Amino acid sequence: MIEGFEVGHHTADEDGWLTGTTVVVAREGAVGGVDVRGGGPGTRETDLLHPTTRIDRVHAVVLTGGSAYGLAAANGVMDGLEAAGIGWPVGLEPHELVPIVPAAVIFDLGRGGVFSNRPTHEFGLLALAAATREQPATGSVGAGSGAVCGGIKGGFGYAESQLASGISVAAAVVVNAAGSAVDPETGRLWSDRMRRVPTPTDQEREALAAALAEAQSSLRGRSHATTIGVVMTDAILGKAHASKIAAVAHDGMARAIRPVHTMFDGDTVFCLASLHKPVGENQLGALLGFNELLAAAADVFADACLDGILSATTRGAWQAYIDLAPSITG
């Protein structure tokens, strides 16, 4: 895990439930940016991350299921951080602070069978309590529990990379899209940019195509969408730079999902910078280094999407890619 960050999940997948909450924590504060696209976003405190606003530190970002109802999980994270004395000072006393906790949601309502079972205040507290610097669990966990992508099971994915400069960048992504992660002609995953996964058999490709066709046959199937994520880096950045990274990370999403940013999606990407390493030693070096960081952000976002699909497990009516194409596991 990149210096300055922790990730925690709370998963609810017992009878009647298929949802959860994931939190990315920056206890020392991180510079934040965001880029929101698509026709149906569900977000909280994204305006605060605009480069023209005053507050320049974020203490956590919440990724959660539950559609707009799930935003309640951010209140739990706020309460947990407040109890730990973490937040933006707003008064003269140490306890007079406000944790800055932006959030974004996916639509997974009813996927566990009970429409009213969705993340609450408690989910945020439990996800925060579970946060650790260890590499996070991926697949059908946390906010990825009820995720679906193009008729197959989506999930939470994570990928990390270190640049030649020593700067690290990672992406934590919940893949839950109206579009598909699968090339219908080959059955391969769009996000497999390094071709690490074998090509499915013809029979498997037909099964994958059938899952996509079934999802596209109903408005209800397509409306349960939105891919959300957080790009993390230990680079020293300003809010404008963080927002630019969030914007370019959408390029990685576009490599992994087709179509993307539809009217059925509310795709939202945050960027958090923990301010540990300079991007360059001079003006030119900083420009070149930042450009390298932008390219890496798009790459790790696509890689995290790949991880989210490959690590997902079959839940209810939604089969996982690895079950529809078992030959890829060798």
C-alpha atoms as a PDB file:
ATOM      1  CA  MET A   1       0.000   0.000   0.000  1.00  0.00           C
ATOM      2  CA  ILE A   2       1.236   3.491  -0.871  1.00  0.00           C
ATOM      3  CA  GLU A   3       2.607   5.563   1.991  1.00  0.00           C
ATOM      4  CA  GLY A   4      -0.061   7.662   3.655  1.00  0.00           C
ATOM      5  CA  PHE A   5      -3.079   5.489   2.839  1.00  0.00           C
ATOM      6  CA  GLU A   6      -5.163   2.662   4.262  1.00  0.00           C
ATOM      7  CA  VAL A   7      -8.097   0.735   2.764  1.00  0.00           C
ATOM      8  CA  GLY A   8     -10.904  -0.977   4.647  1.00  0.00           C
ATOM      9  CA  HIS A   9     -13.995  -2.947   3.620  1.00  0.00           C
ATOM     10  CA  HIS A  10     -17.287  -3.872   5.176  1.00  0.00           C
ATOM     11  CA  THR A  11     -19.186  -6.562   3.270  1.00  0.00           C
ATOM     12  CA  ALA A  12     -22.838  -7.557   3.680  1.00  0.00           C
ATOM     13  CA  ASP A  13     -23.588 -10.693   1.639  1.00  0.00           C
ATOM     14  CA  GLU A  14     -25.728 -12.765   3.982  1.00  0.00           C
ATOM     15  CA  ASP A  15     -29.333 -13.708   3.075  1.00  0.00           C
ATOM     16  CA  GLY A  16     -31.144 -10.696   1.636  1.00  0.00           C
ATOM     17  CA  TRP A  17     -27.953  -8.642   1.345  1.00  0.00           C
ATOM     18  CA  LEU A  18     -25.456  -8.001  -1.435  1.00  0.00           C
ATOM     19  CA  THR A  19     -23.789  -4.662  -0.850  1.00  0.00           C
ATOM     20  CA  GLY A  20     -20.993  -3.050   1.109  1.00  0.00           C
ATOM     21  CA  THR A  21     -18.726  -0.103   1.763  1.00  0.00           C
ATOM     22  CA  THR A  22     -15.046   0.561   1.100  1.00  0.00           C
ATOM     23  CA  VAL A  23     -13.072   3.445   2.587  1.00  0.00           C
ATOM     24  CA  VAL A  24      -9.716   4.876   1.509  1.00  0.00           C
ATOM     25  CA  VAL A  25      -8.225   6.627   4.538  1.00  0.00           C
ATOM     26  CA  ALA A  26      -5.577   9.370   4.648  1.00  0.00           C
ATOM     27  CA  ARG A  27      -5.182   9.949   8.395  1.00  0.00           C
ATOM     28  CA  GLU A  28      -2.566  12.657   7.898  1.00  0.00           C
ATOM     29  CA  GLY A  29      -4.637  14.334   5.194  1.00  0.00           C
ATOM     30  CA  ALA A  30      -4.181  14.221   1.433  1.00  0.00           C
ATOM     31  CA  VAL A  31      -4.682  16.729  -1.359  1.00  0.00           C
ATOM     32  CA  GLY A  32      -7.776  15.689  -3.289  1.00  0.00           C
ATOM     33  CA  GLY A  33      -9.251  16.043  -6.749  1.00  0.00           C
ATOM     34  CA  VAL A  34     -12.235  14.526  -8.545  1.00  0.00           C
ATOM     35  CA  ASP A  35     -13.745  14.093 -11.988  1.00  0.00           C
ATOM     36  CA  VAL A  36     -17.413  13.086 -12.407  1.00  0.00           C
ATOM     37  CA  ARG A  37     -18.888  11.823 -15.683  1.00  0.00           C
ATOM     38  CA  GLY A  38     -21.955  10.008 -16.958  1.00  0.00           C
ATOM     39  CA  GLY A  39     -25.636  10.750 -16.601  1.00  0.00           C
ATOM     40  CA  GLY A  40     -26.418   9.471 -13.098  1.00  0.00           C
ATOM     41  CA  PRO A  41     -23.795  10.295 -10.455  1.00  0.00           C
ATOM     42  CA  GLY A  42     -24.362   9.859  -6.741  1.00  0.00           C
ATOM     43  CA  THR A  43     -21.749  11.835  -4.837  1.00  0.00           C
ATOM     44  CA  ARG A  44     -20.983  13.850  -1.716  1.00  0.00           C
ATOM     45  CA  GLU A  45     -18.587  16.785  -1.190  1.00  0.00           C
ATOM     46  CA  THR A  46     -17.169  16.698  -4.719  1.00  0.00           C
ATOM     47  CA  ASP A  47     -17.530  20.487  -5.102  1.00  0.00           C
ATOM     48  CA  LEU A  48     -15.165  20.889  -2.151  1.00  0.00           C
ATOM     49  CA  LEU A  49     -12.384  19.332  -4.244  1.00  0.00           C
ATOM     50  CA  HIS A  50     -12.513  21.961  -6.976  1.00  0.00           C
ATOM     51  CA  PRO A  51      -9.174  23.817  -7.226  1.00  0.00           C
ATOM     52  CA  THR A  52     -10.850  27.161  -6.455  1.00  0.00           C
ATOM     53  CA  THR A  53     -12.219  26.109  -3.057  1.00  0.00           C
ATOM     54  CA  ARG A  54     -10.445  26.757   0.235  1.00  0.00           C
ATOM     55  CA  ILE A  55     -10.056  23.374   1.926  1.00  0.00           C
ATOM     56  CA  ASP A  56      -7.133  21.418   0.512  1.00  0.00           C
ATOM     57  CA  ARG A  57      -7.017  18.258   2.633  1.00  0.00           C
ATOM     58  CA  VAL A  58      -9.122  15.106   2.493  1.00  0.00           C
ATOM     59  CA  HIS A  59      -9.140  12.566   5.341  1.00  0.00           C
ATOM     60  CA  ALA A  60     -11.003   9.715   3.639  1.00  0.00           C
ATOM     61  CA  VAL A  61     -12.974   8.827   0.521  1.00  0.00           C
ATOM     62  CA  VAL A  62     -15.946   6.484   0.766  1.00  0.00           C
ATOM     63  CA  LEU A  63     -16.911   4.129  -2.066  1.00  0.00           C
ATOM     64  CA  THR A  64     -20.199   2.432  -1.299  1.00  0.00           C
ATOM     65  CA  GLY A  65     -23.202   0.548  -2.550  1.00  0.00           C
ATOM     66  CA  GLY A  66     -26.762   1.554  -1.825  1.00  0.00           C
ATOM     67  CA  SER A  67     -27.235   4.296  -4.431  1.00  0.00           C
ATOM     68  CA  ALA A  68     -28.022   7.643  -2.777  1.00  0.00           C
ATOM     69  CA  TYR A  69     -29.065   5.881   0.425  1.00  0.00           C
ATOM     70  CA  GLY A  70     -25.531   4.547   0.776  1.00  0.00           C
ATOM     71  CA  LEU A  71     -24.093   8.022   1.262  1.00  0.00           C
ATOM     72  CA  ALA A  72     -25.074   7.556   4.914  1.00  0.00           C
ATOM     73  CA  ALA A  73     -21.949   5.405   5.271  1.00  0.00           C
ATOM     74  CA  ALA A  74     -19.821   8.558   4.973  1.00  0.00           C
ATOM     75  CA  ASN A  75     -21.373   9.847   8.209  1.00  0.00           C
ATOM     76  CA  GLY A  76     -20.048   6.775   9.987  1.00  0.00           C
ATOM     77  CA  VAL A  77     -16.553   7.398   8.639  1.00  0.00           C
ATOM     78  CA  MET A  78     -16.782  11.025   9.763  1.00  0.00           C
ATOM     79  CA  ASP A  79     -17.774   9.973  13.277  1.00  0.00           C
ATOM     80  CA  GLY A  80     -14.940   7.473  13.478  1.00  0.00           C
ATOM     81  CA  LEU A  81     -12.375  10.006  12.330  1.00  0.00           C
ATOM     82  CA  GLU A  82     -13.724  12.641  14.688  1.00  0.00           C
ATOM     83  CA  ALA A  83     -13.353  10.215  17.593  1.00  0.00           C
ATOM     84  CA  ALA A  84      -9.722   9.705  16.550  1.00  0.00           C
ATOM     85  CA  GLY A  85      -9.103  13.467  16.465  1.00  0.00           C
ATOM     86  CA  ILE A  86      -8.721  13.576  12.689  1.00  0.00           C
ATOM     87  CA  GLY A  87     -10.249  16.422  10.678  1.00  0.00           C
ATOM     88  CA  TRP A  88     -10.042  19.980   9.399  1.00  0.00           C
ATOM     89  CA  PRO A  89      -9.681  22.460  12.302  1.00  0.00           C
ATOM     90  CA  VAL A  90     -12.662  24.818  12.588  1.00  0.00           C
ATOM     91  CA  GLY A  91     -12.157  26.201  16.105  1.00  0.00           C
ATOM     92  CA  LEU A  92      -9.623  26.937  18.833  1.00  0.00           C
ATOM     93  CA  GLU A  93     -10.038  23.649  20.712  1.00  0.00           C
ATOM     94  CA  PRO A  94      -8.442  20.396  19.471  1.00  0.00           C
ATOM     95  CA  HIS A  95     -11.824  18.634  19.260  1.00  0.00           C
ATOM     96  CA  GLU A  96     -13.315  21.373  17.090  1.00  0.00           C
ATOM     97  CA  LEU A  97     -12.731  19.799  13.693  1.00  0.00           C
ATOM     98  CA  VAL A  98     -14.591  18.450  10.688  1.00  0.00           C
ATOM     99  CA  PRO A  99     -13.300  15.334   8.867  1.00  0.00           C
ATOM    100  CA  ILE A 100     -13.400  15.884   5.104  1.00  0.00           C
ATOM    101  CA  VAL A 101     -14.954  12.741   3.613  1.00  0.00           C
ATOM    102  CA  PRO A 102     -16.112  12.873  -0.028  1.00  0.00           C
ATOM    103  CA  ALA A 103     -18.039   9.838  -1.264  1.00  0.00           C
ATOM    104  CA  ALA A 104     -19.478   8.174  -4.354  1.00  0.00           C
ATOM    105  CA  VAL A 105     -22.023   5.385  -4.736  1.00  0.00           C
ATOM    106  CA  ILE A 106     -22.914   2.562  -7.082  1.00  0.00           C
ATOM    107  CA  PHE A 107     -26.425   1.338  -7.770  1.00  0.00           C
ATOM    108  CA  ASP A 108     -26.840  -2.146  -6.292  1.00  0.00           C
ATOM    109  CA  LEU A 109     -30.255  -1.789  -4.651  1.00  0.00           C
ATOM    110  CA  GLY A 110     -32.160  -5.060  -4.349  1.00  0.00           C
ATOM    111  CA  ARG A 111     -29.401  -7.271  -5.684  1.00  0.00           C
ATOM    112  CA  GLY A 112     -29.379  -9.293  -2.488  1.00  0.00           C
ATOM    113  CA  GLY A 113     -33.125  -9.743  -2.687  1.00  0.00           C
ATOM    114  CA  VAL A 114     -34.304  -7.062  -0.247  1.00  0.00           C
ATOM    115  CA  PHE A 115     -34.472  -3.539  -1.658  1.00  0.00           C
ATOM    116  CA  SER A 116     -34.201  -1.860   1.747  1.00  0.00           C
ATOM    117  CA  ASN A 117     -30.953  -3.639   2.677  1.00  0.00           C
ATOM    118  CA  ARG A 118     -28.275  -1.050   1.953  1.00  0.00           C
ATOM    119  CA  PRO A 119     -25.246   0.560   3.617  1.00  0.00           C
ATOM    120  CA  THR A 120     -25.850   2.656   6.707  1.00  0.00           C
ATOM    121  CA  HIS A 121     -23.889   4.799   9.146  1.00  0.00           C
ATOM    122  CA  GLU A 122     -22.618   1.578  10.757  1.00  0.00           C
ATOM    123  CA  PHE A 123     -21.105   0.364   7.474  1.00  0.00           C
ATOM    124  CA  GLY A 124     -18.844   3.395   7.434  1.00  0.00           C
ATOM    125  CA  LEU A 125     -17.721   2.829  11.015  1.00  0.00           C
ATOM    126  CA  LEU A 126     -16.979  -0.847  10.343  1.00  0.00           C
ATOM    127  CA  ALA A 127     -15.106  -0.163   7.087  1.00  0.00           C
ATOM    128  CA  LEU A 128     -12.989   2.473   8.847  1.00  0.00           C
ATOM    129  CA  ALA A 129     -12.268   0.082  11.722  1.00  0.00           C
ATOM    130  CA  ALA A 130     -11.096  -2.505   9.172  1.00  0.00           C
ATOM    131  CA  ALA A 131      -8.765  -0.094   7.353  1.00  0.00           C
ATOM    132  CA  THR A 132      -5.175  -1.256   7.106  1.00  0.00           C
ATOM    133  CA  ARG A 133      -1.993  -0.490   5.199  1.00  0.00           C
ATOM    134  CA  GLU A 134      -1.942  -4.052   3.838  1.00  0.00           C
ATOM    135  CA  GLN A 135      -2.869  -4.580   0.194  1.00  0.00           C
ATOM    136  CA  PRO A 136      -6.676  -4.764   0.196  1.00  0.00           C
ATOM    137  CA  ALA A 137      -8.776  -7.816  -0.528  1.00  0.00           C
ATOM    138  CA  THR A 138     -10.365  -7.670  -3.983  1.00  0.00           C
ATOM    139  CA  GLY A 139     -13.360  -9.157  -5.745  1.00  0.00           C
ATOM    140  CA  SER A 140     -16.855  -9.409  -4.282  1.00  0.00           C
ATOM    141  CA  VAL A 141     -16.003  -7.469  -1.128  1.00  0.00           C
ATOM    142  CA  GLY A 142     -16.792  -4.044   0.277  1.00  0.00           C
ATOM    143  CA  ALA A 143     -18.419  -1.731  -2.239  1.00  0.00           C
ATOM    144  CA  GLY A 144     -17.818  -4.379  -4.908  1.00  0.00           C
ATOM    145  CA  SER A 145     -20.089  -6.920  -3.201  1.00  0.00           C
ATOM    146  CA  GLY A 146     -23.139  -6.145  -5.333  1.00  0.00           C
ATOM    147  CA  ALA A 147     -21.350  -4.829  -8.412  1.00  0.00           C
ATOM    148  CA  VAL A 148     -22.353  -6.038 -11.891  1.00  0.00           C
ATOM    149  CA  CYS A 149     -20.732  -5.137 -15.214  1.00  0.00           C
ATOM    150  CA  GLY A 150     -22.365  -5.860 -18.547  1.00  0.00           C
ATOM    151  CA  GLY A 151     -24.317  -8.829 -17.247  1.00  0.00           C
ATOM    152  CA  ILE A 152     -21.454 -10.501 -15.373  1.00  0.00           C
ATOM    153  CA  LYS A 153     -20.315 -10.080 -11.789  1.00  0.00           C
ATOM    154  CA  GLY A 154     -18.289  -6.966 -11.141  1.00  0.00           C
ATOM    155  CA  GLY A 155     -16.209  -6.279  -8.078  1.00  0.00           C
ATOM    156  CA  PHE A 156     -13.589  -4.249  -6.252  1.00  0.00           C
ATOM    157  CA  GLY A 157     -10.156  -4.173  -7.889  1.00  0.00           C
ATOM    158  CA  TYR A 158      -6.772  -2.805  -6.898  1.00  0.00           C
ATOM    159  CA  ALA A 159      -3.542  -2.174  -8.813  1.00  0.00           C
ATOM    160  CA  GLU A 160      -0.315  -0.387  -7.926  1.00  0.00           C
ATOM    161  CA  SER A 161       2.784   0.745  -9.807  1.00  0.00           C
ATOM    162  CA  GLN A 162       6.048   2.523  -9.061  1.00  0.00           C
ATOM    163  CA  LEU A 163       7.550   4.935 -11.577  1.00  0.00           C
ATOM    164  CA  ALA A 164      11.245   5.205 -12.381  1.00  0.00           C
ATOM    165  CA  SER A 165      11.294   8.393 -10.291  1.00  0.00           C
ATOM    166  CA  GLY A 166      10.299   6.404  -7.202  1.00  0.00           C
ATOM    167  CA  ILE A 167       6.798   7.891  -7.076  1.00  0.00           C
ATOM    168  CA  SER A 168       4.044   5.323  -6.554  1.00  0.00           C
ATOM    169  CA  VAL A 169       0.514   5.365  -7.924  1.00  0.00           C
ATOM    170  CA  ALA A 170      -2.373   2.988  -7.258  1.00  0.00           C
ATOM    171  CA  ALA A 171      -6.060   2.652  -8.058  1.00  0.00           C
ATOM    172  CA  ALA A 172      -8.916   1.226  -6.012  1.00  0.00           C
ATOM    173  CA  VAL A 173     -11.947   0.700  -8.262  1.00  0.00           C
ATOM    174  CA  VAL A 174     -15.504  -0.629  -7.986  1.00  0.00           C
ATOM    175  CA  VAL A 175     -16.473  -1.996 -11.430  1.00  0.00           C
ATOM    176  CA  ASN A 176     -20.254  -1.710 -11.818  1.00  0.00           C
ATOM    177  CA  ALA A 177     -21.055  -0.523 -15.328  1.00  0.00           C
ATOM    178  CA  ALA A 178     -23.834  -0.388 -17.876  1.00  0.00           C
ATOM    179  CA  GLY A 179     -21.196  -1.185 -20.485  1.00  0.00           C
ATOM    180  CA  SER A 180     -19.273  -4.425 -20.778  1.00  0.00           C
ATOM    181  CA  ALA A 181     -15.794  -5.424 -19.650  1.00  0.00           C
ATOM    182  CA  VAL A 182     -15.729  -8.128 -22.339  1.00  0.00           C
ATOM    183  CA  ASP A 183     -14.962  -7.948 -26.060  1.00  0.00           C
ATOM    184  CA  PRO A 184     -17.940  -9.870 -27.516  1.00  0.00           C
ATOM    185  CA  GLU A 185     -15.921 -10.956 -30.545  1.00  0.00           C
ATOM    186  CA  THR A 186     -13.157 -12.700 -28.610  1.00  0.00           C
ATOM    187  CA  GLY A 187     -14.414 -13.025 -25.050  1.00  0.00           C
ATOM    188  CA  ARG A 188     -11.277 -11.275 -23.842  1.00  0.00           C
ATOM    189  CA  LEU A 189     -11.331  -8.489 -21.276  1.00  0.00           C
ATOM    190  CA  TRP A 190     -10.837  -5.000 -22.704  1.00  0.00           C
ATOM    191  CA  SER A 191      -8.665  -4.110 -19.708  1.00  0.00           C
ATOM    192  CA  ASP A 192      -6.126  -6.877 -20.321  1.00  0.00           C
ATOM    193  CA  ARG A 193      -3.680  -4.473 -21.940  1.00  0.00           C
ATOM    194  CA  MET A 194      -0.680  -6.757 -21.297  1.00  0.00           C
ATOM    195  CA  ARG A 195      -2.556  -9.848 -22.577  1.00  0.00           C
ATOM    196  CA  ARG A 196      -1.930 -11.717 -19.344  1.00  0.00           C
ATOM    197  CA  VAL A 197      -5.176 -13.697 -19.544  1.00  0.00           C
ATOM    198  CA  PRO A 198      -5.684 -16.537 -22.066  1.00  0.00           C
ATOM    199  CA  THR A 199      -8.380 -16.214 -24.740  1.00  0.00           C
ATOM    200  CA  PRO A 200     -11.630 -18.011 -23.783  1.00  0.00           C
ATOM    201  CA  THR A 201     -12.848 -20.927 -25.872  1.00  0.00           C
ATOM    202  CA  ASP A 202     -15.571 -20.444 -28.474  1.00  0.00           C
ATOM    203  CA  GLN A 203     -18.138 -21.992 -26.138  1.00  0.00           C
ATOM    204  CA  GLU A 204     -17.071 -19.670 -23.318  1.00  0.00           C
ATOM    205  CA  ARG A 205     -17.191 -16.662 -25.614  1.00  0.00           C
ATOM    206  CA  GLU A 206     -20.785 -17.536 -26.502  1.00  0.00           C
ATOM    207  CA  ALA A 207     -21.695 -17.761 -22.811  1.00  0.00           C
ATOM    208  CA  LEU A 208     -20.128 -14.363 -22.143  1.00  0.00           C
ATOM    209  CA  ALA A 209     -21.917 -12.811 -25.127  1.00  0.00           C
ATOM    210  CA  ALA A 210     -25.231 -14.265 -23.948  1.00  0.00           C
ATOM    211  CA  ALA A 211     -24.777 -12.709 -20.499  1.00  0.00           C
ATOM    212  CA  LEU A 212     -24.177  -9.301 -22.094  1.00  0.00           C
ATOM    213  CA  ALA A 213     -27.144  -9.668 -24.461  1.00  0.00           C
ATOM    214  CA  GLU A 214     -29.450 -10.559 -21.571  1.00  0.00           C
ATOM    215  CA  ALA A 215     -28.288  -7.519 -19.586  1.00  0.00           C
ATOM    216  CA  GLN A 216     -28.848  -5.196 -22.544  1.00  0.00           C
ATOM    217  CA  SER A 217     -32.317  -6.548 -23.231  1.00  0.00           C
ATOM    218  CA  SER A 218     -33.894  -4.663 -20.321  1.00  0.00           C
ATOM    219  CA  LEU A 219     -33.732  -1.063 -19.148  1.00  0.00           C
ATOM    220  CA  ARG A 220     -33.621  -2.312 -15.555  1.00  0.00           C
ATOM    221  CA  GLY A 221     -30.489  -4.306 -16.243  1.00  0.00           C
ATOM    222  CA  ARG A 222     -28.694  -1.349 -17.778  1.00  0.00           C
ATOM    223  CA  SER A 223     -29.752   1.178 -15.153  1.00  0.00           C
ATOM    224  CA  HIS A 224     -27.898  -0.591 -12.323  1.00  0.00           C
ATOM    225  CA  ALA A 225     -24.593   1.053 -13.085  1.00  0.00           C
ATOM    226  CA  THR A 226     -21.707   3.397 -12.199  1.00  0.00           C
ATOM    227  CA  THR A 227     -17.990   2.699 -11.833  1.00  0.00           C
ATOM    228  CA  ILE A 228     -16.222   4.581  -9.042  1.00  0.00           C
ATOM    229  CA  GLY A 229     -12.659   4.673  -7.802  1.00  0.00           C
ATOM    230  CA  VAL A 230      -9.757   6.414  -6.110  1.00  0.00           C
ATOM    231  CA  VAL A 231      -6.292   7.007  -7.562  1.00  0.00           C
ATOM    232  CA  MET A 232      -3.660   7.293  -4.810  1.00  0.00           C
ATOM    233  CA  THR A 233      -0.150   8.652  -5.095  1.00  0.00           C
ATOM    234  CA  ASP A 234       2.629   9.678  -2.729  1.00  0.00           C
ATOM    235  CA  ALA A 235       3.571  12.604  -5.005  1.00  0.00           C
ATOM    236  CA  ILE A 236       3.534  16.222  -3.866  1.00  0.00           C
ATOM    237  CA  LEU A 237       0.661  17.756  -5.849  1.00  0.00           C
ATOM    238  CA  GLY A 238      -1.794  20.643  -5.742  1.00  0.00           C
ATOM    239  CA  LYS A 239      -5.564  20.366  -6.097  1.00  0.00           C
ATOM    240  CA  ALA A 240      -5.487  21.205  -9.804  1.00  0.00           C
ATOM    241  CA  HIS A 241      -2.935  18.459 -10.432  1.00  0.00           C
ATOM    242  CA  ALA A 242      -4.998  15.964  -8.440  1.00  0.00           C
ATOM    243  CA  SER A 243      -8.101  16.850 -10.448  1.00  0.00           C
ATOM    244  CA  LYS A 244      -6.169  16.392 -13.693  1.00  0.00           C
ATOM    245  CA  ILE A 245      -5.057  12.923 -12.583  1.00  0.00           C
ATOM    246  CA  ALA A 246      -8.662  12.020 -11.754  1.00  0.00           C
ATOM    247  CA  ALA A 247      -9.700  13.166 -15.235  1.00  0.00           C
ATOM    248  CA  VAL A 248      -7.009  11.176 -17.027  1.00  0.00           C
ATOM    249  CA  ALA A 249      -7.775   8.077 -14.937  1.00  0.00           C
ATOM    250  CA  HIS A 250     -11.111   8.031 -16.787  1.00  0.00           C
ATOM    251  CA  ASP A 251      -9.044   7.095 -19.850  1.00  0.00           C
ATOM    252  CA  GLY A 252      -8.159   3.888 -18.052  1.00  0.00           C
ATOM    253  CA  MET A 253     -11.840   3.293 -17.371  1.00  0.00           C
ATOM    254  CA  ALA A 254     -12.584   3.809 -21.056  1.00  0.00           C
ATOM    255  CA  ARG A 255      -9.981   1.171 -21.941  1.00  0.00           C
ATOM    256  CA  ALA A 256     -11.651  -1.319 -19.602  1.00  0.00           C
ATOM    257  CA  ILE A 257     -15.391  -0.769 -20.234  1.00  0.00           C
ATOM    258  CA  ARG A 258     -17.339  -0.174 -23.447  1.00  0.00           C
ATOM    259  CA  PRO A 259     -19.418   1.905 -23.703  1.00  0.00           C
ATOM    260  CA  VAL A 260     -18.433   4.092 -20.776  1.00  0.00           C
ATOM    261  CA  HIS A 261     -19.888   7.265 -19.202  1.00  0.00           C
ATOM    262  CA  THR A 262     -23.382   6.467 -20.461  1.00  0.00           C
ATOM    263  CA  MET A 263     -26.586   8.095 -19.252  1.00  0.00           C
ATOM    264  CA  PHE A 264     -27.031   5.035 -17.012  1.00  0.00           C
ATOM    265  CA  ASP A 265     -23.647   5.581 -15.301  1.00  0.00           C
ATOM    266  CA  GLY A 266     -22.412   8.144 -12.789  1.00  0.00           C
ATOM    267  CA  ASP A 267     -18.722   7.340 -13.172  1.00  0.00           C
ATOM    268  CA  THR A 268     -16.664   9.148 -10.544  1.00  0.00           C
ATOM    269  CA  VAL A 269     -12.890   9.102  -9.988  1.00  0.00           C
ATOM    270  CA  PHE A 270     -11.120  10.716  -7.039  1.00  0.00           C
ATOM    271  CA  CYS A 271      -7.396  11.371  -6.725  1.00  0.00           C
ATOM    272  CA  LEU A 272      -5.591  11.615  -3.394  1.00  0.00           C
ATOM    273  CA  ALA A 273      -1.958  12.723  -3.017  1.00  0.00           C
ATOM    274  CA  SER A 274      -0.207  12.076   0.314  1.00  0.00           C
ATOM    275  CA  LEU A 275       2.578  14.620  -0.384  1.00  0.00           C
ATOM    276  CA  HIS A 276       5.685  12.555   0.364  1.00  0.00           C
ATOM    277  CA  LYS A 277       7.755  12.792  -2.844  1.00  0.00           C
ATOM    278  CA  PRO A 278       8.495  15.675  -5.258  1.00  0.00           C
ATOM    279  CA  VAL A 279       7.499  15.155  -8.869  1.00  0.00           C
ATOM    280  CA  GLY A 280      10.663  16.800 -10.259  1.00  0.00           C
ATOM    281  CA  GLU A 281      13.746  18.772  -9.266  1.00  0.00           C
ATOM    282  CA  ASN A 282      13.025  21.756 -11.530  1.00  0.00           C
ATOM    283  CA  GLN A 283      10.219  23.167 -13.654  1.00  0.00           C
ATOM    284  CA  LEU A 284      10.924  20.983 -16.688  1.00  0.00           C
ATOM    285  CA  GLY A 285      11.471  17.910 -14.539  1.00  0.00           C
ATOM    286  CA  ALA A 286       8.205  18.517 -12.730  1.00  0.00           C
ATOM    287  CA  LEU A 287       6.329  18.837 -16.029  1.00  0.00           C
ATOM    288  CA  LEU A 288       7.827  15.644 -17.434  1.00  0.00           C
ATOM    289  CA  GLY A 289       7.338  13.806 -14.163  1.00  0.00           C
ATOM    290  CA  PHE A 290       3.709  14.858 -13.902  1.00  0.00           C
ATOM    291  CA  ASN A 291       3.063  13.735 -17.470  1.00  0.00           C
ATOM    292  CA  GLU A 292       4.512  10.317 -16.582  1.00  0.00           C
ATOM    293  CA  LEU A 293       2.256  10.200 -13.529  1.00  0.00           C
ATOM    294  CA  LEU A 294      -0.806  10.944 -15.668  1.00  0.00           C
ATOM    295  CA  ALA A 295      -0.012   8.048 -17.998  1.00  0.00           C
ATOM    296  CA  ALA A 296       0.537   5.717 -15.047  1.00  0.00           C
ATOM    297  CA  ALA A 297      -2.773   6.730 -13.476  1.00  0.00           C
ATOM    298  CA  ALA A 298      -4.675   5.654 -16.579  1.00  0.00           C
ATOM    299  CA  ASP A 299      -2.748   2.368 -16.701  1.00  0.00           C
ATOM    300  CA  VAL A 300      -3.303   1.421 -13.053  1.00  0.00           C
ATOM    301  CA  PHE A 301      -6.990   2.323 -13.282  1.00  0.00           C
ATOM    302  CA  ALA A 302      -7.420  -0.089 -16.197  1.00  0.00           C
ATOM    303  CA  ASP A 303      -5.403  -2.713 -14.329  1.00  0.00           C
ATOM    304  CA  ALA A 304      -7.607  -2.288 -11.242  1.00  0.00           C
ATOM    305  CA  CYS A 305     -10.684  -2.805 -13.441  1.00  0.00           C
ATOM    306  CA  LEU A 306      -9.102  -6.017 -14.716  1.00  0.00           C
ATOM    307  CA  ASP A 307      -8.469  -7.154 -11.152  1.00  0.00           C
ATOM    308  CA  GLY A 308     -12.040  -6.336 -10.129  1.00  0.00           C
ATOM    309  CA  ILE A 309     -13.499  -8.551 -12.871  1.00  0.00           C
ATOM    310  CA  LEU A 310     -11.025 -11.438 -12.510  1.00  0.00           C
ATOM    311  CA  SER A 311     -11.296 -11.592  -8.718  1.00  0.00           C
ATOM    312  CA  ALA A 312     -15.108 -11.342  -8.599  1.00  0.00           C
ATOM    313  CA  THR A 313     -17.035 -14.441  -7.580  1.00  0.00           C
ATOM    314  CA  THR A 314     -20.473 -15.591  -8.687  1.00  0.00           C
ATOM    315  CA  ARG A 315     -23.273 -14.141  -6.561  1.00  0.00           C
ATOM    316  CA  GLY A 316     -26.963 -14.851  -7.095  1.00  0.00           C
ATOM    317  CA  ALA A 317     -27.974 -14.460 -10.727  1.00  0.00           C
ATOM    318  CA  TRP A 318     -24.658 -12.906 -11.763  1.00  0.00           C
ATOM    319  CA  GLN A 319     -21.936 -15.283 -12.848  1.00  0.00           C
ATOM    320  CA  ALA A 320     -18.283 -14.321 -12.553  1.00  0.00           C
ATOM    321  CA  TYR A 321     -16.011 -14.123 -15.583  1.00  0.00           C
ATOM    322  CA  ILE A 322     -13.851 -16.931 -14.216  1.00  0.00           C
ATOM    323  CA  ASP A 323     -16.933 -19.192 -14.023  1.00  0.00           C
ATOM    324  CA  LEU A 324     -18.167 -18.324 -17.507  1.00  0.00           C
ATOM    325  CA  ALA A 325     -14.644 -18.790 -18.911  1.00  0.00           C
ATOM    326  CA  PRO A 326     -12.986 -21.361 -16.600  1.00  0.00           C
ATOM    327  CA  SER A 327     -10.311 -22.262 -19.140  1.00  0.00           C
ATOM    328  CA  ILE A 328      -8.497 -18.968 -18.459  1.00  0.00           C
ATOM    329  CA  THR A 329      -7.346 -20.291 -15.062  1.00  0.00           C
ATOM    330  CA  GLY A 330      -5.433 -23.113 -16.744  1.00  0.00           C
END
